[in-house]
C-alpha atoms as a PDB file:
ATOM      1  CA  UNK A   1      17.408   8.679 -29.801  1.00  0.00           C
ATOM      2  CA  UNK A   2      16.754   6.601 -26.687  1.00  0.00           C
ATOM      3  CA  UNK A   3      13.256   6.310 -25.244  1.00  0.00           C
ATOM      4  CA  UNK A   4      12.565   7.371 -21.623  1.00  0.00           C
ATOM      5  CA  UNK A   5      12.278   3.697 -20.684  1.00  0.00           C
ATOM      6  CA  UNK A   6      15.674   2.929 -22.229  1.00  0.00           C
ATOM      7  CA  UNK A   7      17.241   5.876 -20.404  1.00  0.00           C
ATOM      8  CA  UNK A   8      15.735   4.692 -17.114  1.00  0.00           C
ATOM      9  CA  UNK A   9      17.200   1.239 -17.712  1.00  0.00           C
ATOM     10  CA  UNK A  10      20.657   2.733 -18.290  1.00  0.00           C
ATOM     11  CA  UNK A  11      20.352   4.807 -15.119  1.00  0.00           C
ATOM     12  CA  UNK A  12      19.318   1.695 -13.195  1.00  0.00           C
ATOM     13  CA  UNK A  13      22.361  -0.215 -14.432  1.00  0.00           C
ATOM     14  CA  UNK A  14      24.614   2.674 -13.457  1.00  0.00           C
ATOM     15  CA  UNK A  15      23.155   3.066  -9.966  1.00  0.00           C
ATOM     16  CA  UNK A  16      23.388  -0.685  -9.394  1.00  0.00           C
ATOM     17  CA  UNK A  17      27.166  -0.336  -9.528  1.00  0.00           C
ATOM     18  CA  UNK A  18      26.975   1.660  -6.273  1.00  0.00           C
ATOM     19  CA  UNK A  19      24.980  -1.008  -4.414  1.00  0.00           C
ATOM     20  CA  UNK A  20      26.237  -4.216  -2.801  1.00  0.00           C
ATOM     21  CA  UNK A  21      25.292  -7.574  -4.302  1.00  0.00           C
ATOM     22  CA  UNK A  22      23.468  -8.491  -1.102  1.00  0.00           C
ATOM     23  CA  UNK A  23      21.387  -5.327  -1.301  1.00  0.00           C
ATOM     24  CA  UNK A  24      20.548  -6.004  -4.948  1.00  0.00           C
ATOM     25  CA  UNK A  25      19.390  -9.529  -4.122  1.00  0.00           C
ATOM     26  CA  UNK A  26      17.185  -8.211  -1.318  1.00  0.00           C
ATOM     27  CA  UNK A  27      15.687  -5.566  -3.580  1.00  0.00           C
ATOM     28  CA  UNK A  28      14.888  -8.089  -6.316  1.00  0.00           C
ATOM     29  CA  UNK A  29      13.316 -10.482  -3.810  1.00  0.00           C
ATOM     30  CA  UNK A  30      11.111  -7.696  -2.461  1.00  0.00           C
ATOM     31  CA  UNK A  31      10.147  -6.537  -5.964  1.00  0.00           C
ATOM     32  CA  UNK A  32       9.093 -10.062  -6.933  1.00  0.00           C
ATOM     33  CA  UNK A  33       6.731 -10.143  -3.942  1.00  0.00           C
ATOM     34  CA  UNK A  34       5.290  -6.631  -4.269  1.00  0.00           C
ATOM     35  CA  UNK A  35       1.632  -6.212  -5.179  1.00  0.00           C
ATOM     36  CA  UNK A  36      -0.965  -3.626  -6.062  1.00  0.00           C
ATOM     37  CA  UNK A  37      -3.662  -6.269  -6.357  1.00  0.00           C
ATOM     38  CA  UNK A  38      -4.524  -5.473  -2.733  1.00  0.00           C
ATOM     39  CA  UNK A  39      -4.403  -2.031  -1.159  1.00  0.00           C
ATOM     40  CA  UNK A  40      -5.298  -0.698   2.285  1.00  0.00           C
ATOM     41  CA  UNK A  41      -7.415   2.408   2.918  1.00  0.00           C
ATOM     42  CA  UNK A  42      -7.442   4.167   6.301  1.00  0.00           C
ATOM     43  CA  UNK A  43     -10.326   6.569   6.872  1.00  0.00           C
ATOM     44  CA  UNK A  44      -9.672   9.499   9.201  1.00  0.00           C
ATOM     45  CA  UNK A  45      -7.417   7.679  11.679  1.00  0.00           C
ATOM     46  CA  UNK A  46      -6.896   9.701  14.875  1.00  0.00           C
ATOM     47  CA  UNK A  47      -3.740   8.187  16.313  1.00  0.00           C
ATOM     48  CA  UNK A  48      -0.550   8.439  14.262  1.00  0.00           C
ATOM     49  CA  UNK A  49       0.926   5.302  15.806  1.00  0.00           C
ATOM     50  CA  UNK A  50      -1.997   3.219  14.543  1.00  0.00           C
ATOM     51  CA  UNK A  51      -1.768   4.565  10.998  1.00  0.00           C
ATOM     52  CA  UNK A  52       2.017   4.212  10.987  1.00  0.00           C
ATOM     53  CA  UNK A  53       1.791   0.646  12.288  1.00  0.00           C
ATOM     54  CA  UNK A  54      -0.593  -0.151   9.419  1.00  0.00           C
ATOM     55  CA  UNK A  55       1.860   1.375   6.921  1.00  0.00           C
ATOM     56  CA  UNK A  56       4.634  -0.795   8.356  1.00  0.00           C
ATOM     57  CA  UNK A  57       2.390  -3.869   8.147  1.00  0.00           C
ATOM     58  CA  UNK A  58       1.664  -3.175   4.476  1.00  0.00           C
ATOM     59  CA  UNK A  59       5.355  -2.883   3.665  1.00  0.00           C
ATOM     60  CA  UNK A  60       6.224  -6.080   5.532  1.00  0.00           C
ATOM     61  CA  UNK A  61       3.510  -8.021   3.687  1.00  0.00           C
ATOM     62  CA  UNK A  62       4.377  -6.657   0.238  1.00  0.00           C
ATOM     63  CA  UNK A  63       1.536  -4.176  -0.292  1.00  0.00           C
ATOM     64  CA  UNK A  64       2.924  -1.244  -2.283  1.00  0.00           C
ATOM     65  CA  UNK A  65       0.151   1.363  -1.924  1.00  0.00           C
ATOM     66  CA  UNK A  66      -1.789   2.622   1.061  1.00  0.00           C
ATOM     67  CA  UNK A  67      -4.521   5.257   0.852  1.00  0.00           C
ATOM     68  CA  UNK A  68      -5.129   7.668   3.710  1.00  0.00           C
ATOM     69  CA  UNK A  69      -8.385   9.620   3.819  1.00  0.00           C
ATOM     70  CA  UNK A  70      -8.107  12.840   5.821  1.00  0.00           C
ATOM     71  CA  UNK A  71     -11.313  14.507   6.982  1.00  0.00           C
ATOM     72  CA  UNK A  72     -11.017  15.698  10.578  1.00  0.00           C
ATOM     73  CA  UNK A  73      -7.672  14.059  11.309  1.00  0.00           C
ATOM     74  CA  UNK A  74      -4.419  14.565   9.412  1.00  0.00           C
ATOM     75  CA  UNK A  75      -1.895  11.754   9.172  1.00  0.00           C
ATOM     76  CA  UNK A  76       1.301  12.566  11.064  1.00  0.00           C
ATOM     77  CA  UNK A  77       4.329  10.354  10.472  1.00  0.00           C
ATOM     78  CA  UNK A  78       5.452   8.400  13.539  1.00  0.00           C
ATOM     79  CA  UNK A  79       9.041   7.513  12.674  1.00  0.00           C
ATOM     80  CA  UNK A  80       9.566   5.310  15.733  1.00  0.00           C
ATOM     81  CA  UNK A  81       6.743   3.046  14.608  1.00  0.00           C
ATOM     82  CA  UNK A  82       7.428   3.206  10.867  1.00  0.00           C
ATOM     83  CA  UNK A  83      11.083   2.109  11.151  1.00  0.00           C
ATOM     84  CA  UNK A  84      11.693   3.484   7.652  1.00  0.00           C
ATOM     85  CA  UNK A  85       8.965   1.377   6.025  1.00  0.00           C
ATOM     86  CA  UNK A  86       7.325   4.410   4.393  1.00  0.00           C
ATOM     87  CA  UNK A  87      10.511   4.944   2.361  1.00  0.00           C
ATOM     88  CA  UNK A  88       9.628   1.962   0.170  1.00  0.00           C
ATOM     89  CA  UNK A  89       5.894   2.575  -0.254  1.00  0.00           C
ATOM     90  CA  UNK A  90       3.447   4.863  -1.998  1.00  0.00           C
ATOM     91  CA  UNK A  91       1.278   6.697   0.523  1.00  0.00           C
ATOM     92  CA  UNK A  92      -1.623   8.315  -1.321  1.00  0.00           C
ATOM     93  CA  UNK A  93      -3.427  10.985   0.701  1.00  0.00           C
ATOM     94  CA  UNK A  94      -6.952  12.142  -0.049  1.00  0.00           C
ATOM     95  CA  UNK A  95      -7.259  15.527   1.667  1.00  0.00           C
ATOM     96  CA  UNK A  96      -9.017  18.041  -0.586  1.00  0.00           C
ATOM     97  CA  UNK A  97     -10.575  21.009   1.206  1.00  0.00           C
ATOM     98  CA  UNK A  98     -14.372  21.293   1.158  1.00  0.00           C
ATOM     99  CA  UNK A  99     -14.674  17.856  -0.447  1.00  0.00           C
ATOM    100  CA  UNK A 100     -15.881  14.450   0.697  1.00  0.00           C
ATOM    101  CA  UNK A 101     -12.503  12.753   0.610  1.00  0.00           C
ATOM    102  CA  UNK A 102     -13.987   9.313   1.146  1.00  0.00           C
ATOM    103  CA  UNK A 103     -16.016   9.781  -2.034  1.00  0.00           C
ATOM    104  CA  UNK A 104     -12.932  11.035  -3.898  1.00  0.00           C
ATOM    105  CA  UNK A 105     -10.909   8.046  -2.708  1.00  0.00           C
ATOM    106  CA  UNK A 106     -13.642   5.621  -3.776  1.00  0.00           C
ATOM    107  CA  UNK A 107     -13.768   7.233  -7.225  1.00  0.00           C
ATOM    108  CA  UNK A 108      -9.993   6.895  -7.536  1.00  0.00           C
ATOM    109  CA  UNK A 109     -10.055   3.239  -6.503  1.00  0.00           C
ATOM    110  CA  UNK A 110     -12.927   2.274  -8.778  1.00  0.00           C
ATOM    111  CA  UNK A 111     -11.287   3.979 -11.751  1.00  0.00           C
ATOM    112  CA  UNK A 112      -8.267   1.759 -11.074  1.00  0.00           C
ATOM    113  CA  UNK A 113     -10.425  -1.383 -11.086  1.00  0.00           C
ATOM    114  CA  UNK A 114     -10.657  -2.056  -7.354  1.00  0.00           C
ATOM    115  CA  UNK A 115     -13.525  -3.756  -5.566  1.00  0.00           C
ATOM    116  CA  UNK A 116     -14.085  -1.930  -2.270  1.00  0.00           C
ATOM    117  CA  UNK A 117     -14.356  -3.950   0.931  1.00  0.00           C
ATOM    118  CA  UNK A 118     -15.089  -2.320   4.284  1.00  0.00           C
ATOM    119  CA  UNK A 119     -14.213  -3.926   7.590  1.00  0.00           C
ATOM    120  CA  UNK A 120     -16.961  -3.895  10.178  1.00  0.00           C
ATOM    121  CA  UNK A 121     -17.368  -5.964  13.360  1.00  0.00           C
ATOM    122  CA  UNK A 122     -20.978  -6.780  12.446  1.00  0.00           C
ATOM    123  CA  UNK A 123     -21.022 -10.555  11.761  1.00  0.00           C
ATOM    124  CA  UNK A 124     -23.442 -10.175   8.844  1.00  0.00           C
ATOM    125  CA  UNK A 125     -20.426  -9.386   6.643  1.00  0.00           C
ATOM    126  CA  UNK A 126     -18.345 -12.004   4.847  1.00  0.00           C
ATOM    127  CA  UNK A 127     -15.624 -13.596   7.015  1.00  0.00           C
ATOM    128  CA  UNK A 128     -12.253 -12.324   5.834  1.00  0.00           C
ATOM    129  CA  UNK A 129     -11.026 -15.827   4.982  1.00  0.00           C
ATOM    130  CA  UNK A 130     -14.019 -16.424   2.675  1.00  0.00           C
ATOM    131  CA  UNK A 131     -13.822 -13.392   0.376  1.00  0.00           C
ATOM    132  CA  UNK A 132     -13.671 -13.714  -3.406  1.00  0.00           C
ATOM    133  CA  UNK A 133     -10.129 -13.040  -4.666  1.00  0.00           C
ATOM    134  CA  UNK A 134     -10.948 -12.789  -8.376  1.00  0.00           C
ATOM    135  CA  UNK A 135     -10.810  -8.964  -8.521  1.00  0.00           C
ATOM    136  CA  UNK A 136      -8.360  -6.373  -7.226  1.00  0.00           C
ATOM    137  CA  UNK A 137      -9.465  -5.250  -3.798  1.00  0.00           C
ATOM    138  CA  UNK A 138      -9.193  -2.219  -1.537  1.00  0.00           C
ATOM    139  CA  UNK A 139      -9.675  -2.916   2.166  1.00  0.00           C
ATOM    140  CA  UNK A 140     -11.150   0.092   4.005  1.00  0.00           C
ATOM    141  CA  UNK A 141     -10.811   0.589   7.758  1.00  0.00           C
ATOM    142  CA  UNK A 142     -12.453   3.295   9.859  1.00  0.00           C
ATOM    143  CA  UNK A 143     -11.087   5.250  12.792  1.00  0.00           C
ATOM    144  CA  UNK A 144     -10.570   4.100  16.350  1.00  0.00           C
ATOM    145  CA  UNK A 145     -13.632   5.729  17.885  1.00  0.00           C
ATOM    146  CA  UNK A 146     -16.394   5.920  15.297  1.00  0.00           C
ATOM    147  CA  UNK A 147     -15.432   3.095  12.966  1.00  0.00           C
ATOM    148  CA  UNK A 148     -16.232   3.292   9.276  1.00  0.00           C
ATOM    149  CA  UNK A 149     -18.250   6.297   8.043  1.00  0.00           C
ATOM    150  CA  UNK A 150     -21.813   5.956   6.767  1.00  0.00           C
ATOM    151  CA  UNK A 151     -20.699   6.931   3.260  1.00  0.00           C
ATOM    152  CA  UNK A 152     -17.859   4.399   3.230  1.00  0.00           C
ATOM    153  CA  UNK A 153     -20.179   1.635   4.403  1.00  0.00           C
ATOM    154  CA  UNK A 154     -23.088   2.492   2.101  1.00  0.00           C
ATOM    155  CA  UNK A 155     -20.976   2.789  -1.054  1.00  0.00           C
ATOM    156  CA  UNK A 156     -18.731  -0.238  -0.524  1.00  0.00           C
ATOM    157  CA  UNK A 157     -19.083  -3.357  -2.627  1.00  0.00           C
ATOM    158  CA  UNK A 158     -18.921  -5.722   0.328  1.00  0.00           C
ATOM    159  CA  UNK A 159     -18.696  -5.759   4.100  1.00  0.00           C
ATOM    160  CA  UNK A 160     -16.163  -8.099   5.707  1.00  0.00           C
ATOM    161  CA  UNK A 161     -15.303  -9.026   9.265  1.00  0.00           C
ATOM    162  CA  UNK A 162     -12.768 -10.938  11.322  1.00  0.00           C
ATOM    163  CA  UNK A 163     -14.518 -13.721  13.280  1.00  0.00           C
ATOM    164  CA  UNK A 164     -14.286 -12.975  17.022  1.00  0.00           C
ATOM    165  CA  UNK A 165     -14.485 -15.543  19.816  1.00  0.00           C
ATOM    166  CA  UNK A 166     -14.126 -13.399  22.926  1.00  0.00           C
ATOM    167  CA  UNK A 167     -16.179 -10.739  24.718  1.00  0.00           C
ATOM    168  CA  UNK A 168     -14.397  -7.842  23.020  1.00  0.00           C
ATOM    169  CA  UNK A 169     -16.002  -6.632  19.798  1.00  0.00           C
ATOM    170  CA  UNK A 170     -12.932  -5.806  17.725  1.00  0.00           C
ATOM    171  CA  UNK A 171      -9.150  -5.642  17.442  1.00  0.00           C
ATOM    172  CA  UNK A 172      -6.992  -2.533  17.352  1.00  0.00           C
ATOM    173  CA  UNK A 173      -6.857  -1.072  13.805  1.00  0.00           C
ATOM    174  CA  UNK A 174      -3.244  -2.037  13.161  1.00  0.00           C
ATOM    175  CA  UNK A 175      -3.891  -5.589  14.392  1.00  0.00           C
ATOM    176  CA  UNK A 176      -7.007  -5.849  12.220  1.00  0.00           C
ATOM    177  CA  UNK A 177      -5.020  -4.644   9.207  1.00  0.00           C
ATOM    178  CA  UNK A 178      -2.327  -7.245   9.851  1.00  0.00           C
ATOM    179  CA  UNK A 179      -4.815 -10.110  10.221  1.00  0.00           C
ATOM    180  CA  UNK A 180      -6.866  -9.144   7.162  1.00  0.00           C
ATOM    181  CA  UNK A 181      -3.917  -8.508   4.863  1.00  0.00           C
ATOM    182  CA  UNK A 182      -2.039 -11.621   5.940  1.00  0.00           C
ATOM    183  CA  UNK A 183      -5.162 -13.738   5.398  1.00  0.00           C
ATOM    184  CA  UNK A 184      -5.865 -12.280   1.947  1.00  0.00           C
ATOM    185  CA  UNK A 185      -2.268 -12.318   0.725  1.00  0.00           C
ATOM    186  CA  UNK A 186      -1.542 -15.823   1.982  1.00  0.00           C
ATOM    187  CA  UNK A 187      -4.562 -17.148   0.084  1.00  0.00           C
ATOM    188  CA  UNK A 188      -3.789 -15.035  -2.979  1.00  0.00           C
ATOM    189  CA  UNK A 189      -0.254 -16.395  -3.236  1.00  0.00           C
ATOM    190  CA  UNK A 190      -1.653 -19.933  -3.394  1.00  0.00           C
ATOM    191  CA  UNK A 191      -3.677 -19.124  -6.527  1.00  0.00           C
ATOM    192  CA  UNK A 192      -2.803 -18.679 -10.202  1.00  0.00           C
ATOM    193  CA  UNK A 193      -4.073 -15.080 -10.123  1.00  0.00           C
ATOM    194  CA  UNK A 194      -1.548 -12.575 -11.468  1.00  0.00           C
ATOM    195  CA  UNK A 195      -1.123 -10.478  -8.318  1.00  0.00           C
ATOM    196  CA  UNK A 196       2.464  -9.369  -8.960  1.00  0.00           C
ATOM    197  CA  UNK A 197       3.534  -6.018 -10.411  1.00  0.00           C
ATOM    198  CA  UNK A 198       4.035  -5.794 -14.168  1.00  0.00           C
ATOM    199  CA  UNK A 199       7.464  -5.114 -15.680  1.00  0.00           C
ATOM    200  CA  UNK A 200       6.890  -1.376 -16.063  1.00  0.00           C
ATOM    201  CA  UNK A 201       5.867  -1.061 -12.412  1.00  0.00           C
ATOM    202  CA  UNK A 202       8.886  -3.096 -11.336  1.00  0.00           C
ATOM    203  CA  UNK A 203      11.281  -0.923 -13.341  1.00  0.00           C
ATOM    204  CA  UNK A 204       9.736   2.259 -11.939  1.00  0.00           C
ATOM    205  CA  UNK A 205      10.053   1.014  -8.360  1.00  0.00           C
ATOM    206  CA  UNK A 206      13.551  -0.358  -8.909  1.00  0.00           C
ATOM    207  CA  UNK A 207      14.747   3.043 -10.090  1.00  0.00           C
ATOM    208  CA  UNK A 208      12.947   4.840  -7.265  1.00  0.00           C
ATOM    209  CA  UNK A 209      14.417   2.538  -4.622  1.00  0.00           C
ATOM    210  CA  UNK A 210      17.917   2.788  -6.063  1.00  0.00           C
ATOM    211  CA  UNK A 211      17.696   6.566  -5.927  1.00  0.00           C
ATOM    212  CA  UNK A 212      16.810   6.257  -2.253  1.00  0.00           C
ATOM    213  CA  UNK A 213      19.530   3.686  -1.576  1.00  0.00           C
ATOM    214  CA  UNK A 214      22.499   5.420  -3.217  1.00  0.00           C
ATOM    215  CA  UNK A 215      23.958   8.416  -1.447  1.00  0.00           C
ATOM    216  CA  UNK A 216      23.754  11.597  -3.553  1.00  0.00           C
ATOM    217  CA  UNK A 217      22.085   9.635  -6.312  1.00  0.00           C
ATOM    218  CA  UNK A 218      20.725  12.847  -7.840  1.00  0.00           C
ATOM    219  CA  UNK A 219      24.236  14.145  -8.567  1.00  0.00           C
ATOM    220  CA  UNK A 220      25.435  10.745  -9.761  1.00  0.00           C
ATOM    221  CA  UNK A 221      22.452  10.482 -12.103  1.00  0.00           C
ATOM    222  CA  UNK A 222      22.920  13.996 -13.490  1.00  0.00           C
ATOM    223  CA  UNK A 223      26.576  13.341 -14.268  1.00  0.00           C
ATOM    224  CA  UNK A 224      25.777  10.000 -15.890  1.00  0.00           C
ATOM    225  CA  UNK A 225      23.028  11.491 -18.070  1.00  0.00           C
ATOM    226  CA  UNK A 226      25.482  14.061 -19.385  1.00  0.00           C
ATOM    227  CA  UNK A 227      27.758  11.265 -20.572  1.00  0.00           C
ATOM    228  CA  UNK A 228      25.059   9.488 -22.594  1.00  0.00           C
ATOM    229  CA  UNK A 229      23.435  12.483 -24.240  1.00  0.00           C
END
């Protein structure tokens, strides 16, 4: 009897026959550059275009997971901004009723081995280009009007900032996310740190993406599974 992993591999091989060689090459290139070593956390973002722009930035830079904390504001998808980027990512929402969702998110991240960094314009934090890369990290950003919450700031492992040289105190959230993630990931890719996904994560994503890429993949998969059982 085949194991679930072996069955998934057979399904992958079957679905690959419905995808062009160019598409397969693109998918494998993207998979080889995907990471969960770094993740982005957005706390109670008011404007959907800002959150969606940050999601798109994560996808472009190879970050697989983004966490969205909902307290007062709920994340609404802005398809014009996303350009389909959310299709290839894991968006994890923390939105339990009558709970401190920032605390729940922090618990989730720490249980997964993440060091928690909060972005804050106060220059007493560590400049983003000087942070220690030796541990998995979650970068937390607050909302457009109030910034990071007191809980998020107090319970973080480190405060970081983007050095500013003008009169204005801070960038737009989506711009800040792009600068921080690009800085971290560029430095990370120059190290010997194992930031890539492991083989099990790659296989899981490959199958998920193929299901999204092949038209009526659910019916194709069902029919194929009947032939091998």
